[in-house]
C-alpha atoms as a PDB file:
ATOM      1  CA  MET A   1     -86.582  15.861  -3.627  1.00  0.00           C
ATOM      2  CA  ASN A   2     -83.585  14.929  -5.792  1.00  0.00           C
ATOM      3  CA  LEU A   3     -84.718  17.243  -8.589  1.00  0.00           C
ATOM      4  CA  VAL A   4     -85.194  20.146  -6.173  1.00  0.00           C
ATOM      5  CA  VAL A   5     -81.798  19.579  -4.534  1.00  0.00           C
ATOM      6  CA  ASN A   6     -80.146  19.627  -7.962  1.00  0.00           C
ATOM      7  CA  ALA A   7     -82.000  22.808  -8.876  1.00  0.00           C
ATOM      8  CA  ARG A   8     -80.790  24.455  -5.678  1.00  0.00           C
ATOM      9  CA  ASP A   9     -77.187  23.486  -6.421  1.00  0.00           C
ATOM     10  CA  ALA A  10     -77.529  24.906  -9.950  1.00  0.00           C
ATOM     11  CA  MET A  11     -78.348  28.318  -8.462  1.00  0.00           C
ATOM     12  CA  PRO A  12     -75.422  28.988  -6.088  1.00  0.00           C
ATOM     13  CA  GLY A  13     -76.106  32.722  -6.097  1.00  0.00           C
ATOM     14  CA  GLY A  14     -79.849  32.333  -5.638  1.00  0.00           C
ATOM     15  CA  GLY A  15     -82.580  32.123  -8.222  1.00  0.00           C
ATOM     16  CA  GLU A  16     -86.119  31.039  -8.913  1.00  0.00           C
ATOM     17  CA  LEU A  17     -87.448  27.496  -8.527  1.00  0.00           C
ATOM     18  CA  THR A  18     -90.797  26.660 -10.096  1.00  0.00           C
ATOM     19  CA  ILE A  19     -92.715  23.455  -9.410  1.00  0.00           C
ATOM     20  CA  GLU A  20     -95.797  22.855 -11.542  1.00  0.00           C
ATOM     21  CA  ILE A  21     -98.243  19.981 -11.870  1.00  0.00           C
ATOM     22  CA  SER A  22    -100.797  19.374 -14.608  1.00  0.00           C
ATOM     23  CA  SER A  23    -102.710  16.670 -16.421  1.00  0.00           C
ATOM     24  CA  VAL A  24    -101.747  15.961 -20.040  1.00  0.00           C
ATOM     25  CA  ASP A  25    -103.021  13.652 -22.756  1.00  0.00           C
ATOM     26  CA  LEU A  26    -100.306  12.166 -24.942  1.00  0.00           C
ATOM     27  CA  GLY A  27    -102.129  10.696 -27.886  1.00  0.00           C
ATOM     28  CA  ALA A  28    -100.609   8.403 -30.484  1.00  0.00           C
ATOM     29  CA  SER A  29     -99.723  11.399 -32.652  1.00  0.00           C
ATOM     30  CA  ALA A  30     -98.576  13.752 -29.888  1.00  0.00           C
ATOM     31  CA  SER A  31     -95.395  15.538 -30.933  1.00  0.00           C
ATOM     32  CA  ASN A  32     -94.031  15.657 -27.368  1.00  0.00           C
ATOM     33  CA  ARG A  33     -94.419  11.930 -26.709  1.00  0.00           C
ATOM     34  CA  PRO A  34     -91.170   9.930 -26.800  1.00  0.00           C
ATOM     35  CA  ALA A  35     -91.221   7.004 -29.211  1.00  0.00           C
ATOM     36  CA  ASP A  36     -90.941   4.428 -26.408  1.00  0.00           C
ATOM     37  CA  ALA A  37     -93.676   5.993 -24.225  1.00  0.00           C
ATOM     38  CA  PRO A  38     -97.157   4.491 -24.618  1.00  0.00           C
ATOM     39  CA  PRO A  39     -99.992   6.898 -25.472  1.00  0.00           C
ATOM     40  CA  GLY A  40    -102.249   7.794 -22.585  1.00  0.00           C
ATOM     41  CA  HIS A  41    -103.157  10.201 -19.819  1.00  0.00           C
ATOM     42  CA  TYR A  42    -100.274  11.427 -17.682  1.00  0.00           C
ATOM     43  CA  ILE A  43     -99.672  13.634 -14.680  1.00  0.00           C
ATOM     44  CA  LEU A  44     -96.876  16.075 -15.518  1.00  0.00           C
ATOM     45  CA  LEU A  45     -94.610  17.275 -12.700  1.00  0.00           C
ATOM     46  CA  SER A  46     -92.243  20.067 -13.790  1.00  0.00           C
ATOM     47  CA  VAL A  47     -89.236  21.261 -11.781  1.00  0.00           C
ATOM     48  CA  ILE A  48     -87.751  24.376 -13.392  1.00  0.00           C
ATOM     49  CA  ASP A  49     -84.814  26.549 -12.334  1.00  0.00           C
ATOM     50  CA  ASN A  50     -83.049  29.555 -13.822  1.00  0.00           C
ATOM     51  CA  GLY A  51     -79.575  28.422 -12.809  1.00  0.00           C
ATOM     52  CA  VAL A  52     -76.345  27.733 -14.656  1.00  0.00           C
ATOM     53  CA  GLY A  53     -77.855  25.233 -17.095  1.00  0.00           C
ATOM     54  CA  MET A  54     -76.164  22.422 -19.030  1.00  0.00           C
ATOM     55  CA  ASP A  55     -74.819  21.867 -22.510  1.00  0.00           C
ATOM     56  CA  GLU A  56     -75.906  18.946 -24.687  1.00  0.00           C
ATOM     57  CA  ALA A  57     -72.836  16.841 -23.845  1.00  0.00           C
ATOM     58  CA  THR A  58     -73.595  17.090 -20.129  1.00  0.00           C
ATOM     59  CA  ARG A  59     -77.301  16.366 -20.606  1.00  0.00           C
ATOM     60  CA  SER A  60     -76.474  13.100 -22.359  1.00  0.00           C
ATOM     61  CA  HIS A  61     -74.810  11.756 -19.188  1.00  0.00           C
ATOM     62  CA  ILE A  62     -76.879  13.137 -16.300  1.00  0.00           C
ATOM     63  CA  PHE A  63     -78.838   9.945 -15.616  1.00  0.00           C
ATOM     64  CA  GLU A  64     -75.733   7.750 -15.466  1.00  0.00           C
ATOM     65  CA  PRO A  65     -74.904   6.459 -11.966  1.00  0.00           C
ATOM     66  CA  PHE A  66     -72.051   8.393 -10.298  1.00  0.00           C
ATOM     67  CA  PHE A  67     -71.912  11.057 -13.024  1.00  0.00           C
ATOM     68  CA  THR A  68     -71.606  14.437 -11.308  1.00  0.00           C
ATOM     69  CA  LEU A  69     -70.185  17.884 -11.964  1.00  0.00           C
ATOM     70  CA  LYS A  70     -70.111  18.748  -8.270  1.00  0.00           C
ATOM     71  CA  GLU A  71     -66.931  19.052  -6.238  1.00  0.00           C
ATOM     72  CA  THR A  72     -65.596  15.984  -4.453  1.00  0.00           C
ATOM     73  CA  GLY A  73     -67.634  15.393  -1.329  1.00  0.00           C
ATOM     74  CA  LYS A  74     -70.520  17.550  -2.553  1.00  0.00           C
ATOM     75  CA  GLY A  75     -72.447  14.863  -4.412  1.00  0.00           C
ATOM     76  CA  THR A  76     -72.407  11.214  -5.446  1.00  0.00           C
ATOM     77  CA  GLY A  77     -74.010  11.474  -8.885  1.00  0.00           C
ATOM     78  CA  LEU A  78     -76.864   9.186  -7.817  1.00  0.00           C
ATOM     79  CA  GLY A  79     -79.673  11.720  -7.376  1.00  0.00           C
ATOM     80  CA  LEU A  80     -80.841  11.856 -10.991  1.00  0.00           C
ATOM     81  CA  SER A  81     -80.259   8.167 -11.679  1.00  0.00           C
ATOM     82  CA  THR A  82     -82.337   7.364  -8.592  1.00  0.00           C
ATOM     83  CA  ALA A  83     -85.086   9.724  -9.746  1.00  0.00           C
ATOM     84  CA  GLN A  84     -85.117   8.114 -13.175  1.00  0.00           C
ATOM     85  CA  GLY A  85     -85.345   4.655 -11.596  1.00  0.00           C
ATOM     86  CA  ILE A  86     -88.326   5.680  -9.468  1.00  0.00           C
ATOM     87  CA  VAL A  87     -90.126   7.203 -12.450  1.00  0.00           C
ATOM     88  CA  ALA A  88     -89.399   4.207 -14.702  1.00  0.00           C
ATOM     89  CA  GLN A  89     -90.648   1.829 -12.007  1.00  0.00           C
ATOM     90  CA  SER A  90     -93.931   3.755 -12.076  1.00  0.00           C
ATOM     91  CA  GLY A  91     -94.227   3.418 -15.857  1.00  0.00           C
ATOM     92  CA  GLY A  92     -93.306   7.035 -16.568  1.00  0.00           C
ATOM     93  CA  PHE A  93     -90.474   8.972 -18.181  1.00  0.00           C
ATOM     94  CA  ILE A  94     -88.458  12.190 -17.772  1.00  0.00           C
ATOM     95  CA  GLU A  95     -87.736  14.924 -20.304  1.00  0.00           C
ATOM     96  CA  VAL A  96     -84.955  17.477 -19.821  1.00  0.00           C
ATOM     97  CA  GLN A  97     -84.485  20.886 -21.429  1.00  0.00           C
ATOM     98  CA  SER A  98     -81.467  23.016 -20.541  1.00  0.00           C
ATOM     99  CA  GLU A  99     -79.159  25.668 -21.927  1.00  0.00           C
ATOM    100  CA  ILE A 100     -75.997  27.170 -20.511  1.00  0.00           C
ATOM    101  CA  GLY A 101     -76.910  30.299 -18.575  1.00  0.00           C
ATOM    102  CA  ARG A 102     -80.651  29.779 -19.035  1.00  0.00           C
ATOM    103  CA  GLY A 103     -81.454  27.133 -16.453  1.00  0.00           C
ATOM    104  CA  SER A 104     -82.978  23.664 -16.646  1.00  0.00           C
ATOM    105  CA  ALA A 105     -86.454  22.152 -16.805  1.00  0.00           C
ATOM    106  CA  PHE A 106     -87.086  18.567 -15.723  1.00  0.00           C
ATOM    107  CA  ARG A 107     -90.517  17.274 -16.721  1.00  0.00           C
ATOM    108  CA  VAL A 108     -91.679  14.033 -15.124  1.00  0.00           C
ATOM    109  CA  PHE A 109     -94.554  12.184 -16.814  1.00  0.00           C
ATOM    110  CA  LEU A 110     -96.366   9.656 -14.612  1.00  0.00           C
ATOM    111  CA  PRO A 111     -99.287   7.499 -15.847  1.00  0.00           C
ATOM    112  CA  ARG A 112    -102.557   8.833 -14.482  1.00  0.00           C
ATOM    113  CA  ALA A 113    -104.937   6.559 -12.628  1.00  0.00           C
ATOM    114  CA  ASP A 114    -108.454   7.434 -13.721  1.00  0.00           C
ATOM    115  CA  ALA A 115    -110.030   5.658 -10.756  1.00  0.00           C
ATOM    116  CA  PRO A 116    -108.977   5.232  -7.124  1.00  0.00           C
ATOM    117  CA  VAL A 117    -106.536   2.373  -6.650  1.00  0.00           C
ATOM    118  CA  ALA A 118    -107.747   0.072  -3.907  1.00  0.00           C
ATOM    119  CA  GLN A 119    -105.012  -1.049  -1.557  1.00  0.00           C
ATOM    120  CA  PRO A 120    -105.256  -3.432   1.373  1.00  0.00           C
ATOM    121  CA  CYS A 121    -105.200  -1.555   4.645  1.00  0.00           C
ATOM    122  CA  GLU A 122    -103.006  -3.189   7.229  1.00  0.00           C
ATOM    123  CA  VAL A 123    -103.097  -1.403  10.566  1.00  0.00           C
ATOM    124  CA  ARG A 124    -100.123  -2.026  12.808  1.00  0.00           C
ATOM    125  CA  SER A 125     -99.433  -0.176  16.020  1.00  0.00           C
ATOM    126  CA  VAL A 126     -96.236   1.707  16.771  1.00  0.00           C
ATOM    127  CA  MET A 127     -95.447  -0.965  19.363  1.00  0.00           C
ATOM    128  CA  ASP A 128     -95.636  -3.641  16.646  1.00  0.00           C
ATOM    129  CA  LEU A 129     -93.120  -1.781  14.475  1.00  0.00           C
ATOM    130  CA  GLY A 130     -90.884  -0.263  17.135  1.00  0.00           C
ATOM    131  CA  GLY A 131     -88.041  -1.639  19.198  1.00  0.00           C
ATOM    132  CA  ARG A 132     -84.975  -0.853  21.270  1.00  0.00           C
ATOM    133  CA  GLU A 133     -82.367  -2.600  19.119  1.00  0.00           C
ATOM    134  CA  THR A 134     -79.360  -0.866  17.561  1.00  0.00           C
ATOM    135  CA  VAL A 135     -79.503  -0.288  13.796  1.00  0.00           C
ATOM    136  CA  LEU A 136     -76.533   0.840  11.684  1.00  0.00           C
ATOM    137  CA  LEU A 137     -77.670   2.916   8.671  1.00  0.00           C
ATOM    138  CA  VAL A 138     -75.333   3.136   5.667  1.00  0.00           C
ATOM    139  CA  GLU A 139     -76.374   5.660   3.006  1.00  0.00           C
ATOM    140  CA  ASP A 140     -74.264   8.048   0.911  1.00  0.00           C
ATOM    141  CA  GLN A 141     -77.100  10.530   0.283  1.00  0.00           C
ATOM    142  CA  PRO A 142     -77.221  12.756   3.389  1.00  0.00           C
ATOM    143  CA  GLU A 143     -80.909  13.625   2.993  1.00  0.00           C
ATOM    144  CA  VAL A 144     -81.953   9.962   2.880  1.00  0.00           C
ATOM    145  CA  LEU A 145     -79.618   9.109   5.781  1.00  0.00           C
ATOM    146  CA  ARG A 146     -81.132  11.813   7.994  1.00  0.00           C
ATOM    147  CA  PHE A 147     -84.670  10.808   7.035  1.00  0.00           C
ATOM    148  CA  ALA A 148     -84.096   7.116   7.827  1.00  0.00           C
ATOM    149  CA  ALA A 149     -82.281   7.839  11.091  1.00  0.00           C
ATOM    150  CA  GLN A 150     -85.029  10.158  12.309  1.00  0.00           C
ATOM    151  CA  ALA A 151     -87.740   7.704  11.264  1.00  0.00           C
ATOM    152  CA  LEU A 152     -86.218   4.773  13.154  1.00  0.00           C
ATOM    153  CA  ALA A 153     -85.426   6.921  16.193  1.00  0.00           C
ATOM    154  CA  GLU A 154     -89.095   7.864  16.397  1.00  0.00           C
ATOM    155  CA  PHE A 155     -89.933   4.162  16.539  1.00  0.00           C
ATOM    156  CA  GLY A 156     -87.569   3.735  19.493  1.00  0.00           C
ATOM    157  CA  TYR A 157     -84.516   2.251  17.778  1.00  0.00           C
ATOM    158  CA  ARG A 158     -80.966   3.293  18.621  1.00  0.00           C
ATOM    159  CA  THR A 159     -79.578   4.429  15.279  1.00  0.00           C
ATOM    160  CA  LEU A 160     -75.976   4.793  14.141  1.00  0.00           C
ATOM    161  CA  SER A 161     -75.350   6.617  10.862  1.00  0.00           C
ATOM    162  CA  ALA A 162     -72.566   6.067   8.326  1.00  0.00           C
ATOM    163  CA  GLY A 163     -72.176   8.101   5.145  1.00  0.00           C
ATOM    164  CA  GLY A 164     -70.351   5.319   3.299  1.00  0.00           C
ATOM    165  CA  PRO A 165     -68.893   1.805   3.524  1.00  0.00           C
ATOM    166  CA  GLU A 166     -65.574   2.739   5.152  1.00  0.00           C
ATOM    167  CA  GLU A 167     -67.300   4.686   7.900  1.00  0.00           C
ATOM    168  CA  ALA A 168     -69.726   1.782   8.348  1.00  0.00           C
ATOM    169  CA  LEU A 169     -66.868  -0.704   8.798  1.00  0.00           C
ATOM    170  CA  ALA A 170     -65.195   1.548  11.368  1.00  0.00           C
ATOM    171  CA  THR A 171     -68.459   1.968  13.281  1.00  0.00           C
ATOM    172  CA  PHE A 172     -69.170  -1.764  13.148  1.00  0.00           C
ATOM    173  CA  ARG A 173     -65.732  -2.576  14.581  1.00  0.00           C
ATOM    174  CA  ARG A 174     -66.147   0.011  17.315  1.00  0.00           C
ATOM    175  CA  GLU A 175     -69.627  -1.222  18.210  1.00  0.00           C
ATOM    176  CA  ARG A 176     -68.844  -4.916  17.710  1.00  0.00           C
ATOM    177  CA  GLY A 177     -71.484  -7.079  19.336  1.00  0.00           C
ATOM    178  CA  ARG A 178     -73.902  -4.189  19.898  1.00  0.00           C
ATOM    179  CA  ILE A 179     -75.313  -3.776  16.367  1.00  0.00           C
ATOM    180  CA  ASP A 180     -78.442  -5.837  15.757  1.00  0.00           C
ATOM    181  CA  LEU A 181     -79.119  -4.894  12.117  1.00  0.00           C
ATOM    182  CA  VAL A 182     -77.354  -3.130   9.254  1.00  0.00           C
ATOM    183  CA  VAL A 183     -79.512  -1.202   6.756  1.00  0.00           C
ATOM    184  CA  THR A 184     -77.408  -0.344   3.707  1.00  0.00           C
ATOM    185  CA  ASP A 185     -77.879   1.193   0.299  1.00  0.00           C
ATOM    186  CA  VAL A 186     -77.041  -1.146  -2.592  1.00  0.00           C
ATOM    187  CA  VAL A 187     -75.227   1.191  -5.009  1.00  0.00           C
ATOM    188  CA  MET A 188     -72.541   3.356  -3.392  1.00  0.00           C
ATOM    189  CA  PRO A 189     -69.199   4.763  -4.542  1.00  0.00           C
ATOM    190  CA  GLY A 190     -66.197   2.571  -3.771  1.00  0.00           C
ATOM    191  CA  MET A 191     -67.988  -0.449  -2.363  1.00  0.00           C
ATOM    192  CA  SER A 192     -71.475  -1.781  -3.010  1.00  0.00           C
ATOM    193  CA  GLY A 193     -73.887  -2.706  -0.252  1.00  0.00           C
ATOM    194  CA  PRO A 194     -73.518  -6.458  -0.882  1.00  0.00           C
ATOM    195  CA  ARG A 195     -69.708  -6.188  -0.777  1.00  0.00           C
ATOM    196  CA  LEU A 196     -70.002  -4.280   2.492  1.00  0.00           C
ATOM    197  CA  ALA A 197     -72.287  -6.994   3.844  1.00  0.00           C
ATOM    198  CA  GLY A 198     -69.643  -9.603   2.950  1.00  0.00           C
ATOM    199  CA  ALA A 199     -66.992  -7.634   4.811  1.00  0.00           C
ATOM    200  CA  LEU A 200     -69.248  -7.338   7.841  1.00  0.00           C
ATOM    201  CA  GLU A 201     -69.959 -11.073   7.790  1.00  0.00           C
ATOM    202  CA  GLU A 202     -66.238 -11.705   8.153  1.00  0.00           C
ATOM    203  CA  LEU A 203     -66.361  -9.712  11.382  1.00  0.00           C
ATOM    204  CA  CYS A 204     -69.678 -11.171  12.554  1.00  0.00           C
ATOM    205  CA  PRO A 205     -70.998 -14.229  10.631  1.00  0.00           C
ATOM    206  CA  ASN A 206     -74.566 -13.807  11.910  1.00  0.00           C
ATOM    207  CA  VAL A 207     -74.970 -10.125  11.048  1.00  0.00           C
ATOM    208  CA  LYS A 208     -78.439  -9.242   9.761  1.00  0.00           C
ATOM    209  CA  VAL A 209     -78.623  -6.949   6.722  1.00  0.00           C
ATOM    210  CA  LEU A 210     -81.478  -5.098   5.046  1.00  0.00           C
ATOM    211  CA  PHE A 211     -80.729  -3.616   1.605  1.00  0.00           C
ATOM    212  CA  ILE A 212     -82.391  -0.450   0.278  1.00  0.00           C
ATOM    213  CA  SER A 213     -82.205   1.082  -3.206  1.00  0.00           C
ATOM    214  CA  GLY A 214     -83.935   3.433  -5.603  1.00  0.00           C
ATOM    215  CA  PHE A 215     -82.661   1.389  -8.544  1.00  0.00           C
ATOM    216  CA  THR A 216     -84.788  -1.358 -10.035  1.00  0.00           C
ATOM    217  CA  GLY A 217     -84.503  -4.353 -12.314  1.00  0.00           C
ATOM    218  CA  ASP A 218     -81.141  -5.326 -13.748  1.00  0.00           C
ATOM    219  CA  GLU A 219     -79.248  -2.546 -11.976  1.00  0.00           C
ATOM    220  CA  ILE A 220     -79.727  -4.154  -8.564  1.00  0.00           C
ATOM    221  CA  ALA A 221     -80.323  -7.738  -9.712  1.00  0.00           C
ATOM    222  CA  ARG A 222     -76.681  -7.961 -10.791  1.00  0.00           C
ATOM    223  CA  HIS A 223     -75.717  -7.249  -7.179  1.00  0.00           C
ATOM    224  CA  GLY A 224     -77.644 -10.338  -6.051  1.00  0.00           C
ATOM    225  CA  VAL A 225     -80.098  -8.252  -4.057  1.00  0.00           C
ATOM    226  CA  MET A 226     -83.132  -9.814  -5.732  1.00  0.00           C
ATOM    227  CA  ASP A 227     -82.049 -13.361  -4.861  1.00  0.00           C
ATOM    228  CA  GLU A 228     -84.401 -15.430  -2.736  1.00  0.00           C
ATOM    229  CA  GLY A 229     -83.992 -14.836   0.970  1.00  0.00           C
ATOM    230  CA  VAL A 230     -82.321 -11.419   0.623  1.00  0.00           C
ATOM    231  CA  ARG A 231     -84.068  -8.688   2.612  1.00  0.00           C
ATOM    232  CA  PHE A 232     -84.805  -5.629   0.464  1.00  0.00           C
ATOM    233  CA  LEU A 233     -86.789  -2.382   0.622  1.00  0.00           C
ATOM    234  CA  ALA A 234     -87.270  -0.176  -2.445  1.00  0.00           C
ATOM    235  CA  LYS A 235     -86.945   3.604  -2.282  1.00  0.00           C
ATOM    236  CA  PRO A 236     -88.837   5.779  -1.780  1.00  0.00           C
ATOM    237  CA  PHE A 237     -90.350   4.467   1.445  1.00  0.00           C
ATOM    238  CA  THR A 238     -92.377   5.846   4.316  1.00  0.00           C
ATOM    239  CA  PRO A 239     -91.201   5.737   7.947  1.00  0.00           C
ATOM    240  CA  GLU A 240     -93.764   3.006   8.608  1.00  0.00           C
ATOM    241  CA  GLN A 241     -92.539   0.893   5.674  1.00  0.00           C
ATOM    242  CA  LEU A 242     -88.951   1.219   6.848  1.00  0.00           C
ATOM    243  CA  ALA A 243     -89.845   0.370  10.434  1.00  0.00           C
ATOM    244  CA  ALA A 244     -91.894  -2.648   9.318  1.00  0.00           C
ATOM    245  CA  LYS A 245     -88.991  -4.033   7.236  1.00  0.00           C
ATOM    246  CA  VAL A 246     -86.543  -3.413  10.071  1.00  0.00           C
ATOM    247  CA  ARG A 247     -88.825  -5.145  12.574  1.00  0.00           C
ATOM    248  CA  ALA A 248     -89.289  -8.131  10.248  1.00  0.00           C
ATOM    249  CA  ALA A 249     -85.529  -8.415   9.645  1.00  0.00           C
ATOM    250  CA  LEU A 250     -84.789  -8.275  13.375  1.00  0.00           C
ATOM    251  CA  ASP A 251     -87.413 -10.910  14.147  1.00  0.00           C
ATOM    252  CA  ALA A 252     -86.272 -13.279  11.395  1.00  0.00           C
ATOM    253  CA  GLN A 253     -84.204 -16.274  12.370  1.00  0.00           C
ATOM    254  CA  ASN A 254     -80.652 -16.348  11.057  1.00  0.00           C
ATOM    255  CA  SER A 255     -80.282 -18.855   8.207  1.00  0.00           C
END
């Protein structure tokens, strides 16, 4: 989704978007295999546009958090860094080719599973996951915010949406005493999710918080999100996974 949104923005006057998928074998001597990528079978997902393109200096920064060439208010610079985090978490990698005036091609390599991966099947009813509590969602990516709000609404929750920390604080003050859970992104411009949670705790010491993030490893560990007892859900997630985490957080006793 992030790659497609970026491709759209790179073609303000319209253009052609191509999405391809194939199976590739990157052997030990494969010329297109990065040095740090293990040899093996991969699924290749390509997202190609014929938009404005990028120069080499821009390409070297595109996966850095908060790096963006978009106008203020049009983007946070987290879309590509989030995509890279998701791919890295899956053991894959991304290659980028782009030239000014000739568009961009993002190629995502994901390790192929040669046999079905067995997963435990836990069946929970909508009643088990749903509720009538009020949940404040804090997310600076509009697409993710809309998705989460719609998902929780379908499970019966009253949802309040905030596009950033300042809006979240204003909403929390206005709704003081009526918000049962805050679901917030970890990495946001201006104020991180944990810092926001600290500010909310000053207003309501027993506030319950669930953190979400597409970043992994050290990037979120330094925010304290991976500490024991901290509620966390990794992106991307399904509506059921979000509802299950929300239900568990609401049912948990305050420490």
